[in-house]
Amino acid sequence: MSEEVNVVVIHYPKPERIQEFRDLVLRVKNTFKHSPGTIGQHAFEVKNAEGGPEIVVTERYKDHASLEKVVSSDEFKEISKLVIELVRQPPRAITGTPLPGVEESRT
């Protein structure tokens, strides 16, 4: 049985390139939102302890195969190359499955 996969990626954009990075995140969302197995995407911006920008992206996929299909696509590889010039350091990615009994609530 395949399990849902959740991905959290923390990006560290250069302050002077923040708008370009925001635009790139929107491009990613629009490119992959209808990919088979993509359940949802969300992004938000925070400030780190030094006041620099960080962008946190969360994604949900039906299963690991759906995630692999996205990250192995030519579009994803092309976008990943663009990220390099816009960030201060490589992103931090965390991948996991939902905790049993902890469901997403919609209130």
PDB file of N, CA and C in Angstrom:
ATOM      1  N   MET A   1       0.843  -1.184   0.000  1.00  0.00           N
ATOM      2  CA  MET A   1       0.000   0.000   0.000  1.00  0.00           C
ATOM      3  C   MET A   1       0.885   1.242   0.000  1.00  0.00           C
ATOM      4  N   SER A   2       0.586   2.199  -0.836  1.00  0.00           N
ATOM      5  CA  SER A   2       1.383   3.419  -0.878  1.00  0.00           C
ATOM      6  C   SER A   2       0.824   4.434   0.107  1.00  0.00           C
ATOM      7  N   GLU A   3       1.737   5.217   0.664  1.00  0.00           N
ATOM      8  CA  GLU A   3       1.352   6.217   1.652  1.00  0.00           C
ATOM      9  C   GLU A   3       1.525   7.623   1.096  1.00  0.00           C
ATOM     10  N   GLU A   4       0.687   8.524   1.578  1.00  0.00           N
ATOM     11  CA  GLU A   4       0.825   9.929   1.250  1.00  0.00           C
ATOM     12  C   GLU A   4       2.208  10.408   1.686  1.00  0.00           C
ATOM     13  N   VAL A   5       2.779  11.316   0.902  1.00  0.00           N
ATOM     14  CA  VAL A   5       4.087  11.884   1.213  1.00  0.00           C
ATOM     15  C   VAL A   5       3.937  13.391   1.367  1.00  0.00           C
ATOM     16  N   ASN A   6       4.509  13.911   2.447  1.00  0.00           N
ATOM     17  CA  ASN A   6       4.534  15.347   2.696  1.00  0.00           C
ATOM     18  C   ASN A   6       5.968  15.827   2.574  1.00  0.00           C
ATOM     19  N   VAL A   7       6.148  16.987   1.952  1.00  0.00           N
ATOM     20  CA  VAL A   7       7.473  17.562   1.767  1.00  0.00           C
ATOM     21  C   VAL A   7       7.445  18.990   2.295  1.00  0.00           C
ATOM     22  N   VAL A   8       8.464  19.343   3.073  1.00  0.00           N
ATOM     23  CA  VAL A   8       8.661  20.715   3.524  1.00  0.00           C
ATOM     24  C   VAL A   8      10.044  21.129   3.047  1.00  0.00           C
ATOM     25  N   VAL A   9      10.113  22.240   2.328  1.00  0.00           N
ATOM     26  CA  VAL A   9      11.398  22.743   1.848  1.00  0.00           C
ATOM     27  C   VAL A   9      11.550  24.175   2.331  1.00  0.00           C
ATOM     28  N   ILE A  10      12.664  24.439   3.010  1.00  0.00           N
ATOM     29  CA  ILE A  10      12.973  25.787   3.475  1.00  0.00           C
ATOM     30  C   ILE A  10      14.024  26.358   2.534  1.00  0.00           C
ATOM     31  N   HIS A  11      13.666  27.462   1.886  1.00  0.00           N
ATOM     32  CA  HIS A  11      14.566  28.135   0.945  1.00  0.00           C
ATOM     33  C   HIS A  11      15.118  29.394   1.598  1.00  0.00           C
ATOM     34  N   TYR A  12      16.332  29.756   1.208  1.00  0.00           N
ATOM     35  CA  TYR A  12      17.031  30.902   1.776  1.00  0.00           C
ATOM     36  C   TYR A  12      17.396  31.888   0.661  1.00  0.00           C
ATOM     37  N   PRO A  13      16.416  32.610   0.134  1.00  0.00           N
ATOM     38  CA  PRO A  13      16.698  33.514  -0.980  1.00  0.00           C
ATOM     39  C   PRO A  13      17.566  34.701  -0.561  1.00  0.00           C
ATOM     40  N   LYS A  14      18.354  35.181  -1.511  1.00  0.00           N
ATOM     41  CA  LYS A  14      19.128  36.402  -1.290  1.00  0.00           C
ATOM     42  C   LYS A  14      18.124  37.549  -1.157  1.00  0.00           C
ATOM     43  N   PRO A  15      18.311  38.435  -0.172  1.00  0.00           N
ATOM     44  CA  PRO A  15      17.350  39.535   0.010  1.00  0.00           C
ATOM     45  C   PRO A  15      17.140  40.365  -1.256  1.00  0.00           C
ATOM     46  N   GLU A  16      18.206  40.597  -1.999  1.00  0.00           N
ATOM     47  CA  GLU A  16      18.095  41.422  -3.201  1.00  0.00           C
ATOM     48  C   GLU A  16      17.436  40.682  -4.369  1.00  0.00           C
ATOM     49  N   ARG A  17      17.188  39.376  -4.223  1.00  0.00           N
ATOM     50  CA  ARG A  17      16.562  38.573  -5.282  1.00  0.00           C
ATOM     51  C   ARG A  17      15.223  37.988  -4.825  1.00  0.00           C
ATOM     52  N   ILE A  18      14.683  38.522  -3.721  1.00  0.00           N
ATOM     53  CA  ILE A  18      13.492  37.929  -3.115  1.00  0.00           C
ATOM     54  C   ILE A  18      12.292  37.922  -4.069  1.00  0.00           C
ATOM     55  N   GLN A  19      12.070  39.003  -4.808  1.00  0.00           N
ATOM     56  CA  GLN A  19      10.903  39.018  -5.697  1.00  0.00           C
ATOM     57  C   GLN A  19      11.050  37.997  -6.819  1.00  0.00           C
ATOM     58  N   GLU A  20      12.249  37.857  -7.348  1.00  0.00           N
ATOM     59  CA  GLU A  20      12.481  36.833  -8.375  1.00  0.00           C
ATOM     60  C   GLU A  20      12.188  35.441  -7.812  1.00  0.00           C
ATOM     61  N   PHE A  21      12.585  35.235  -6.545  1.00  0.00           N
ATOM     62  CA  PHE A  21      12.348  33.932  -5.933  1.00  0.00           C
ATOM     63  C   PHE A  21      10.856  33.698  -5.717  1.00  0.00           C
ATOM     64  N   ARG A  22      10.142  34.717  -5.254  1.00  0.00           N
ATOM     65  CA  ARG A  22       8.685  34.595  -5.095  1.00  0.00           C
ATOM     66  C   ARG A  22       8.030  34.222  -6.427  1.00  0.00           C
ATOM     67  N   ASP A  23       8.471  34.882  -7.497  1.00  0.00           N
ATOM     68  CA  ASP A  23       7.924  34.592  -8.822  1.00  0.00           C
ATOM     69  C   ASP A  23       8.218  33.151  -9.232  1.00  0.00           C
ATOM     70  N   LEU A  24       9.402  32.657  -8.874  1.00  0.00           N
ATOM     71  CA  LEU A  24       9.771  31.284  -9.205  1.00  0.00           C
ATOM     72  C   LEU A  24       8.909  30.283  -8.439  1.00  0.00           C
ATOM     73  N   VAL A  25       8.617  30.583  -7.174  1.00  0.00           N
ATOM     74  CA  VAL A  25       7.737  29.709  -6.384  1.00  0.00           C
ATOM     75  C   VAL A  25       6.353  29.643  -7.031  1.00  0.00           C
ATOM     76  N   LEU A  26       5.858  30.764  -7.488  1.00  0.00           N
ATOM     77  CA  LEU A  26       4.555  30.784  -8.171  1.00  0.00           C
ATOM     78  C   LEU A  26       4.611  29.966  -9.467  1.00  0.00           C
ATOM     79  N   ARG A  27       5.720  30.061 -10.175  1.00  0.00           N
ATOM     80  CA  ARG A  27       5.887  29.260 -11.396  1.00  0.00           C
ATOM     81  C   ARG A  27       5.845  27.770 -11.067  1.00  0.00           C
ATOM     82  N   VAL A  28       6.523  27.374 -10.005  1.00  0.00           N
ATOM     83  CA  VAL A  28       6.515  25.965  -9.595  1.00  0.00           C
ATOM     84  C   VAL A  28       5.089  25.518  -9.291  1.00  0.00           C
ATOM     85  N   LYS A  29       4.383  26.325  -8.509  1.00  0.00           N
ATOM     86  CA  LYS A  29       3.004  25.973  -8.150  1.00  0.00           C
ATOM     87  C   LYS A  29       2.147  25.794  -9.398  1.00  0.00           C
ATOM     88  N   ASN A  30       2.230  26.752 -10.306  1.00  0.00           N
ATOM     89  CA  ASN A  30       1.405  26.688 -11.513  1.00  0.00           C
ATOM     90  C   ASN A  30       1.817  25.553 -12.448  1.00  0.00           C
ATOM     91  N   THR A  31       3.094  25.199 -12.440  1.00  0.00           N
ATOM     92  CA  THR A  31       3.578  24.123 -13.302  1.00  0.00           C
ATOM     93  C   THR A  31       3.123  22.758 -12.816  1.00  0.00           C
ATOM     94  N   PHE A  32       3.129  22.545 -11.492  1.00  0.00           N
ATOM     95  CA  PHE A  32       2.914  21.198 -10.967  1.00  0.00           C
ATOM     96  C   PHE A  32       1.596  20.980 -10.231  1.00  0.00           C
ATOM     97  N   LYS A  33       0.750  22.006 -10.113  1.00  0.00           N
ATOM     98  CA  LYS A  33      -0.466  21.845  -9.310  1.00  0.00           C
ATOM     99  C   LYS A  33      -1.431  20.804  -9.865  1.00  0.00           C
ATOM    100  N   HIS A  34      -1.363  20.539 -11.155  1.00  0.00           N
ATOM    101  CA  HIS A  34      -2.263  19.547 -11.748  1.00  0.00           C
ATOM    102  C   HIS A  34      -1.554  18.243 -12.093  1.00  0.00           C
ATOM    103  N   SER A  35      -0.326  18.075 -11.614  1.00  0.00           N
ATOM    104  CA  SER A  35       0.389  16.820 -11.866  1.00  0.00           C
ATOM    105  C   SER A  35      -0.346  15.679 -11.176  1.00  0.00           C
ATOM    106  N   PRO A  36      -0.448  14.531 -11.833  1.00  0.00           N
ATOM    107  CA  PRO A  36      -1.117  13.391 -11.201  1.00  0.00           C
ATOM    108  C   PRO A  36      -0.481  13.057  -9.851  1.00  0.00           C
ATOM    109  N   GLY A  37      -1.315  12.926  -8.844  1.00  0.00           N
ATOM    110  CA  GLY A  37      -0.830  12.577  -7.516  1.00  0.00           C
ATOM    111  C   GLY A  37      -0.478  13.754  -6.634  1.00  0.00           C
ATOM    112  N   THR A  38      -0.508  14.972  -7.181  1.00  0.00           N
ATOM    113  CA  THR A  38      -0.254  16.155  -6.361  1.00  0.00           C
ATOM    114  C   THR A  38      -1.538  16.499  -5.620  1.00  0.00           C
ATOM    115  N   ILE A  39      -1.474  16.503  -4.289  1.00  0.00           N
ATOM    116  CA  ILE A  39      -2.652  16.795  -3.468  1.00  0.00           C
ATOM    117  C   ILE A  39      -2.747  18.286  -3.177  1.00  0.00           C
ATOM    118  N   GLY A  40      -1.626  18.912  -2.857  1.00  0.00           N
ATOM    119  CA  GLY A  40      -1.672  20.326  -2.539  1.00  0.00           C
ATOM    120  C   GLY A  40      -0.294  20.928  -2.363  1.00  0.00           C
ATOM    121  N   GLN A  41      -0.254  22.254  -2.464  1.00  0.00           N
ATOM    122  CA  GLN A  41       0.975  23.012  -2.291  1.00  0.00           C
ATOM    123  C   GLN A  41       0.642  24.277  -1.512  1.00  0.00           C
ATOM    124  N   HIS A  42       1.606  24.718  -0.725  1.00  0.00           N
ATOM    125  CA  HIS A  42       1.429  25.935   0.059  1.00  0.00           C
ATOM    126  C   HIS A  42       2.804  26.549   0.260  1.00  0.00           C
ATOM    127  N   ALA A  43       2.880  27.862   0.306  1.00  0.00           N
ATOM    128  CA  ALA A  43       4.159  28.531   0.562  1.00  0.00           C
ATOM    129  C   ALA A  43       3.909  29.748   1.431  1.00  0.00           C
ATOM    130  N   PHE A  44       4.874  30.027   2.300  1.00  0.00           N
ATOM    131  CA  PHE A  44       4.796  31.244   3.099  1.00  0.00           C
ATOM    132  C   PHE A  44       6.193  31.766   3.363  1.00  0.00           C
ATOM    133  N   GLU A  45       6.258  33.057   3.677  1.00  0.00           N
ATOM    134  CA  GLU A  45       7.536  33.730   3.889  1.00  0.00           C
ATOM    135  C   GLU A  45       7.699  34.065   5.366  1.00  0.00           C
ATOM    136  N   VAL A  46       8.911  33.858   5.872  1.00  0.00           N
ATOM    137  CA  VAL A  46       9.238  34.193   7.256  1.00  0.00           C
ATOM    138  C   VAL A  46      10.570  34.930   7.269  1.00  0.00           C
ATOM    139  N   LYS A  47      10.875  35.534   8.395  1.00  0.00           N
ATOM    140  CA  LYS A  47      12.182  36.170   8.604  1.00  0.00           C
ATOM    141  C   LYS A  47      12.979  35.304   9.557  1.00  0.00           C
ATOM    142  N   ASN A  48      14.261  35.102   9.247  1.00  0.00           N
ATOM    143  CA  ASN A  48      15.108  34.335  10.159  1.00  0.00           C
ATOM    144  C   ASN A  48      15.573  35.220  11.312  1.00  0.00           C
ATOM    145  N   ALA A  49      16.375  34.691  12.210  1.00  0.00           N
ATOM    146  CA  ALA A  49      16.820  35.427  13.400  1.00  0.00           C
ATOM    147  C   ALA A  49      17.567  36.705  13.036  1.00  0.00           C
ATOM    148  N   GLU A  50      18.223  36.716  11.885  1.00  0.00           N
ATOM    149  CA  GLU A  50      18.964  37.897  11.445  1.00  0.00           C
ATOM    150  C   GLU A  50      18.099  38.852  10.619  1.00  0.00           C
ATOM    151  N   GLY A  51      16.849  38.508  10.419  1.00  0.00           N
ATOM    152  CA  GLY A  51      15.939  39.349   9.651  1.00  0.00           C
ATOM    153  C   GLY A  51      15.915  39.058   8.163  1.00  0.00           C
ATOM    154  N   GLY A  52      16.674  38.047   7.731  1.00  0.00           N
ATOM    155  CA  GLY A  52      16.693  37.688   6.315  1.00  0.00           C
ATOM    156  C   GLY A  52      15.480  36.863   5.934  1.00  0.00           C
ATOM    157  N   PRO A  53      15.127  36.882   4.657  1.00  0.00           N
ATOM    158  CA  PRO A  53      13.938  36.143   4.221  1.00  0.00           C
ATOM    159  C   PRO A  53      14.185  34.644   4.089  1.00  0.00           C
ATOM    160  N   GLU A  54      13.172  33.889   4.431  1.00  0.00           N
ATOM    161  CA  GLU A  54      13.132  32.455   4.167  1.00  0.00           C
ATOM    162  C   GLU A  54      11.751  32.157   3.595  1.00  0.00           C
ATOM    163  N   ILE A  55      11.704  31.273   2.645  1.00  0.00           N
ATOM    164  CA  ILE A  55      10.427  30.865   2.073  1.00  0.00           C
ATOM    165  C   ILE A  55      10.261  29.379   2.330  1.00  0.00           C
ATOM    166  N   VAL A  56       9.134  29.050   2.962  1.00  0.00           N
ATOM    167  CA  VAL A  56       8.833  27.668   3.316  1.00  0.00           C
ATOM    168  C   VAL A  56       7.757  27.165   2.359  1.00  0.00           C
ATOM    169  N   VAL A  57       8.052  26.054   1.707  1.00  0.00           N
ATOM    170  CA  VAL A  57       7.119  25.454   0.760  1.00  0.00           C
ATOM    171  C   VAL A  57       6.715  24.092   1.306  1.00  0.00           C
ATOM    172  N   THR A  58       5.410  23.842   1.360  1.00  0.00           N
ATOM    173  CA  THR A  58       4.921  22.522   1.764  1.00  0.00           C
ATOM    174  C   THR A  58       4.163  21.920   0.585  1.00  0.00           C
ATOM    175  N   GLU A  59       4.351  20.632   0.401  1.00  0.00           N
ATOM    176  CA  GLU A  59       3.700  19.930  -0.700  1.00  0.00           C
ATOM    177  C   GLU A  59       3.183  18.597  -0.193  1.00  0.00           C
ATOM    178  N   ARG A  60       2.077  18.147  -0.768  1.00  0.00           N
ATOM    179  CA  ARG A  60       1.509  16.833  -0.424  1.00  0.00           C
ATOM    180  C   ARG A  60       1.298  16.052  -1.711  1.00  0.00           C
ATOM    181  N   TYR A  61       1.690  14.787  -1.655  1.00  0.00           N
ATOM    182  CA  TYR A  61       1.555  13.900  -2.804  1.00  0.00           C
ATOM    183  C   TYR A  61       0.843  12.625  -2.385  1.00  0.00           C
ATOM    184  N   LYS A  62       0.131  12.022  -3.322  1.00  0.00           N
ATOM    185  CA  LYS A  62      -0.613  10.790  -3.068  1.00  0.00           C
ATOM    186  C   LYS A  62       0.317   9.679  -2.600  1.00  0.00           C
ATOM    187  N   ASP A  63       1.516   9.632  -3.183  1.00  0.00           N
ATOM    188  CA  ASP A  63       2.483   8.591  -2.840  1.00  0.00           C
ATOM    189  C   ASP A  63       3.874   9.012  -3.306  1.00  0.00           C
ATOM    190  N   HIS A  64       4.860   8.195  -2.970  1.00  0.00           N
ATOM    191  CA  HIS A  64       6.242   8.516  -3.315  1.00  0.00           C
ATOM    192  C   HIS A  64       6.446   8.557  -4.835  1.00  0.00           C
ATOM    193  N   ALA A  65       5.758   7.696  -5.566  1.00  0.00           N
ATOM    194  CA  ALA A  65       5.886   7.679  -7.029  1.00  0.00           C
ATOM    195  C   ALA A  65       5.443   9.010  -7.641  1.00  0.00           C
ATOM    196  N   SER A  66       4.407   9.617  -7.076  1.00  0.00           N
ATOM    197  CA  SER A  66       3.932  10.914  -7.573  1.00  0.00           C
ATOM    198  C   SER A  66       4.977  11.995  -7.347  1.00  0.00           C
ATOM    199  N   LEU A  67       5.602  11.985  -6.177  1.00  0.00           N
ATOM    200  CA  LEU A  67       6.681  12.933  -5.883  1.00  0.00           C
ATOM    201  C   LEU A  67       7.849  12.714  -6.842  1.00  0.00           C
ATOM    202  N   GLU A  68       8.248  11.475  -7.029  1.00  0.00           N
ATOM    203  CA  GLU A  68       9.377  11.166  -7.917  1.00  0.00           C
ATOM    204  C   GLU A  68       9.104  11.614  -9.352  1.00  0.00           C
ATOM    205  N   LYS A  69       7.868  11.495  -9.784  1.00  0.00           N
ATOM    206  CA  LYS A  69       7.520  11.926 -11.142  1.00  0.00           C
ATOM    207  C   LYS A  69       7.746  13.426 -11.301  1.00  0.00           C
ATOM    208  N   VAL A  70       7.393  14.201 -10.279  1.00  0.00           N
ATOM    209  CA  VAL A  70       7.604  15.649 -10.329  1.00  0.00           C
ATOM    210  C   VAL A  70       9.095  15.971 -10.332  1.00  0.00           C
ATOM    211  N   VAL A  71       9.852  15.436  -9.367  1.00  0.00           N
ATOM    212  CA  VAL A  71      11.264  15.824  -9.242  1.00  0.00           C
ATOM    213  C   VAL A  71      12.133  15.288 -10.378  1.00  0.00           C
ATOM    214  N   SER A  72      11.672  14.287 -11.088  1.00  0.00           N
ATOM    215  CA  SER A  72      12.454  13.769 -12.213  1.00  0.00           C
ATOM    216  C   SER A  72      12.071  14.422 -13.543  1.00  0.00           C
ATOM    217  N   SER A  73      11.087  15.314 -13.517  1.00  0.00           N
ATOM    218  CA  SER A  73      10.631  15.954 -14.753  1.00  0.00           C
ATOM    219  C   SER A  73      11.643  16.991 -15.248  1.00  0.00           C
ATOM    220  N   ASP A  74      11.646  17.212 -16.548  1.00  0.00           N
ATOM    221  CA  ASP A  74      12.527  18.222 -17.142  1.00  0.00           C
ATOM    222  C   ASP A  74      12.214  19.611 -16.598  1.00  0.00           C
ATOM    223  N   GLU A  75      10.932  19.907 -16.386  1.00  0.00           N
ATOM    224  CA  GLU A  75      10.540  21.216 -15.864  1.00  0.00           C
ATOM    225  C   GLU A  75      11.129  21.454 -14.478  1.00  0.00           C
ATOM    226  N   PHE A  76      11.066  20.443 -13.613  1.00  0.00           N
ATOM    227  CA  PHE A  76      11.603  20.583 -12.260  1.00  0.00           C
ATOM    228  C   PHE A  76      13.115  20.786 -12.311  1.00  0.00           C
ATOM    229  N   LYS A  77      13.787  20.041 -13.159  1.00  0.00           N
ATOM    230  CA  LYS A  77      15.242  20.186 -13.289  1.00  0.00           C
ATOM    231  C   LYS A  77      15.615  21.578 -13.781  1.00  0.00           C
ATOM    232  N   GLU A  78      14.854  22.105 -14.733  1.00  0.00           N
ATOM    233  CA  GLU A  78      15.104  23.450 -15.254  1.00  0.00           C
ATOM    234  C   GLU A  78      14.917  24.501 -14.160  1.00  0.00           C
ATOM    235  N   ILE A  79      13.830  24.391 -13.415  1.00  0.00           N
ATOM    236  CA  ILE A  79      13.554  25.345 -12.343  1.00  0.00           C
ATOM    237  C   ILE A  79      14.615  25.247 -11.252  1.00  0.00           C
ATOM    238  N   SER A  80      15.054  24.042 -10.932  1.00  0.00           N
ATOM    239  CA  SER A  80      16.080  23.851  -9.900  1.00  0.00           C
ATOM    240  C   SER A  80      17.373  24.568 -10.257  1.00  0.00           C
ATOM    241  N   LYS A  81      17.712  24.613 -11.528  1.00  0.00           N
ATOM    242  CA  LYS A  81      18.918  25.331 -11.961  1.00  0.00           C
ATOM    243  C   LYS A  81      18.777  26.831 -11.724  1.00  0.00           C
ATOM    244  N   LEU A  82      17.576  27.358 -11.869  1.00  0.00           N
ATOM    245  CA  LEU A  82      17.340  28.789 -11.658  1.00  0.00           C
ATOM    246  C   LEU A  82      17.474  29.173 -10.189  1.00  0.00           C
ATOM    247  N   VAL A  83      17.139  28.251  -9.304  1.00  0.00           N
ATOM    248  CA  VAL A  83      17.180  28.518  -7.860  1.00  0.00           C
ATOM    249  C   VAL A  83      18.592  28.867  -7.400  1.00  0.00           C
ATOM    250  N   ILE A  84      19.590  28.213  -7.960  1.00  0.00           N
ATOM    251  CA  ILE A  84      20.975  28.344  -7.495  1.00  0.00           C
ATOM    252  C   ILE A  84      21.430  29.796  -7.398  1.00  0.00           C
ATOM    253  N   GLU A  85      21.101  30.607  -8.389  1.00  0.00           N
ATOM    254  CA  GLU A  85      21.552  31.999  -8.389  1.00  0.00           C
ATOM    255  C   GLU A  85      20.723  32.897  -7.478  1.00  0.00           C
ATOM    256  N   LEU A  86      19.595  32.415  -7.009  1.00  0.00           N
ATOM    257  CA  LEU A  86      18.694  33.250  -6.212  1.00  0.00           C
ATOM    258  C   LEU A  86      18.816  33.030  -4.708  1.00  0.00           C
ATOM    259  N   VAL A  87      19.601  32.036  -4.284  1.00  0.00           N
ATOM    260  CA  VAL A  87      19.644  31.680  -2.862  1.00  0.00           C
ATOM    261  C   VAL A  87      21.018  31.914  -2.234  1.00  0.00           C
ATOM    262  N   ARG A  88      20.992  32.102  -0.892  1.00  0.00           N
ATOM    263  CA  ARG A  88      22.219  32.283  -0.110  1.00  0.00           C
ATOM    264  C   ARG A  88      22.878  30.954   0.204  1.00  0.00           C
ATOM    265  N   GLN A  89      22.072  29.914   0.314  1.00  0.00           N
ATOM    266  CA  GLN A  89      22.564  28.583   0.651  1.00  0.00           C
ATOM    267  C   GLN A  89      21.563  27.565   0.128  1.00  0.00           C
ATOM    268  N   PRO A  90      21.971  26.305   0.014  1.00  0.00           N
ATOM    269  CA  PRO A  90      21.048  25.281  -0.484  1.00  0.00           C
ATOM    270  C   PRO A  90      19.825  25.142   0.427  1.00  0.00           C
ATOM    271  N   PRO A  91      18.699  24.730  -0.145  1.00  0.00           N
ATOM    272  CA  PRO A  91      17.488  24.553   0.659  1.00  0.00           C
ATOM    273  C   PRO A  91      17.606  23.354   1.592  1.00  0.00           C
ATOM    274  N   ARG A  92      16.773  23.367   2.613  1.00  0.00           N
ATOM    275  CA  ARG A  92      16.657  22.224   3.525  1.00  0.00           C
ATOM    276  C   ARG A  92      15.330  21.548   3.217  1.00  0.00           C
ATOM    277  N   ALA A  93      15.381  20.268   2.901  1.00  0.00           N
ATOM    278  CA  ALA A  93      14.166  19.526   2.561  1.00  0.00           C
ATOM    279  C   ALA A  93      13.913  18.435   3.585  1.00  0.00           C
ATOM    280  N   ILE A  94      12.647  18.301   3.965  1.00  0.00           N
ATOM    281  CA  ILE A  94      12.207  17.275   4.911  1.00  0.00           C
ATOM    282  C   ILE A  94      11.039  16.545   4.249  1.00  0.00           C
ATOM    283  N   THR A  95      11.102  15.226   4.232  1.00  0.00           N
ATOM    284  CA  THR A  95      10.050  14.417   3.622  1.00  0.00           C
ATOM    285  C   THR A  95       9.558  13.398   4.635  1.00  0.00           C
ATOM    286  N   GLY A  96       8.247  13.216   4.709  1.00  0.00           N
ATOM    287  CA  GLY A  96       7.707  12.230   5.638  1.00  0.00           C
ATOM    288  C   GLY A  96       6.272  11.873   5.315  1.00  0.00           C
ATOM    289  N   THR A  97       5.761  10.926   6.071  1.00  0.00           N
ATOM    290  CA  THR A  97       4.377  10.490   5.912  1.00  0.00           C
ATOM    291  C   THR A  97       3.555  11.020   7.089  1.00  0.00           C
ATOM    292  N   PRO A  98       2.247  11.163   6.908  1.00  0.00           N
ATOM    293  CA  PRO A  98       1.400  11.681   7.981  1.00  0.00           C
ATOM    294  C   PRO A  98       1.403  10.762   9.204  1.00  0.00           C
ATOM    295  N   LEU A  99       1.244  11.365  10.365  1.00  0.00           N
ATOM    296  CA  LEU A  99       1.084  10.583  11.589  1.00  0.00           C
ATOM    297  C   LEU A  99      -0.307   9.965  11.605  1.00  0.00           C
ATOM    298  N   PRO A 100      -0.416   8.698  11.934  1.00  0.00           N
ATOM    299  CA  PRO A 100      -1.736   8.064  12.005  1.00  0.00           C
ATOM    300  C   PRO A 100      -2.635   8.791  13.008  1.00  0.00           C
ATOM    301  N   GLY A 101      -3.851   9.045  12.608  1.00  0.00           N
ATOM    302  CA  GLY A 101      -4.820   9.677  13.493  1.00  0.00           C
ATOM    303  C   GLY A 101      -4.766  11.193  13.520  1.00  0.00           C
ATOM    304  N   VAL A 102      -3.747  11.773  12.921  1.00  0.00           N
ATOM    305  CA  VAL A 102      -3.643  13.236  12.880  1.00  0.00           C
ATOM    306  C   VAL A 102      -4.053  13.665  11.479  1.00  0.00           C
ATOM    307  N   GLU A 103      -5.273  14.078  11.356  1.00  0.00           N
ATOM    308  CA  GLU A 103      -5.828  14.443  10.062  1.00  0.00           C
ATOM    309  C   GLU A 103      -5.798  15.948   9.890  1.00  0.00           C
ATOM    310  N   GLU A 104      -5.749  16.369   8.643  1.00  0.00           N
ATOM    311  CA  GLU A 104      -5.840  17.789   8.342  1.00  0.00           C
ATOM    312  C   GLU A 104      -7.260  18.245   8.646  1.00  0.00           C
ATOM    313  N   SER A 105      -7.387  19.323   9.393  1.00  0.00           N
ATOM    314  CA  SER A 105      -8.731  19.819   9.705  1.00  0.00           C
ATOM    315  C   SER A 105      -9.032  21.052   8.872  1.00  0.00           C
ATOM    316  N   ARG A 106     -10.254  21.166   8.469  1.00  0.00           N
ATOM    317  CA  ARG A 106     -10.715  22.332   7.712  1.00  0.00           C
ATOM    318  C   ARG A 106     -11.853  22.954   8.518  1.00  0.00           C
ATOM    319  N   THR A 107     -11.529  24.057   9.176  1.00  0.00           N
ATOM    320  CA  THR A 107     -12.546  24.712  10.004  1.00  0.00           C
ATOM    321  C   THR A 107     -12.989  26.005   9.407  1.00  0.00           C
TER     322      THR A 107
END
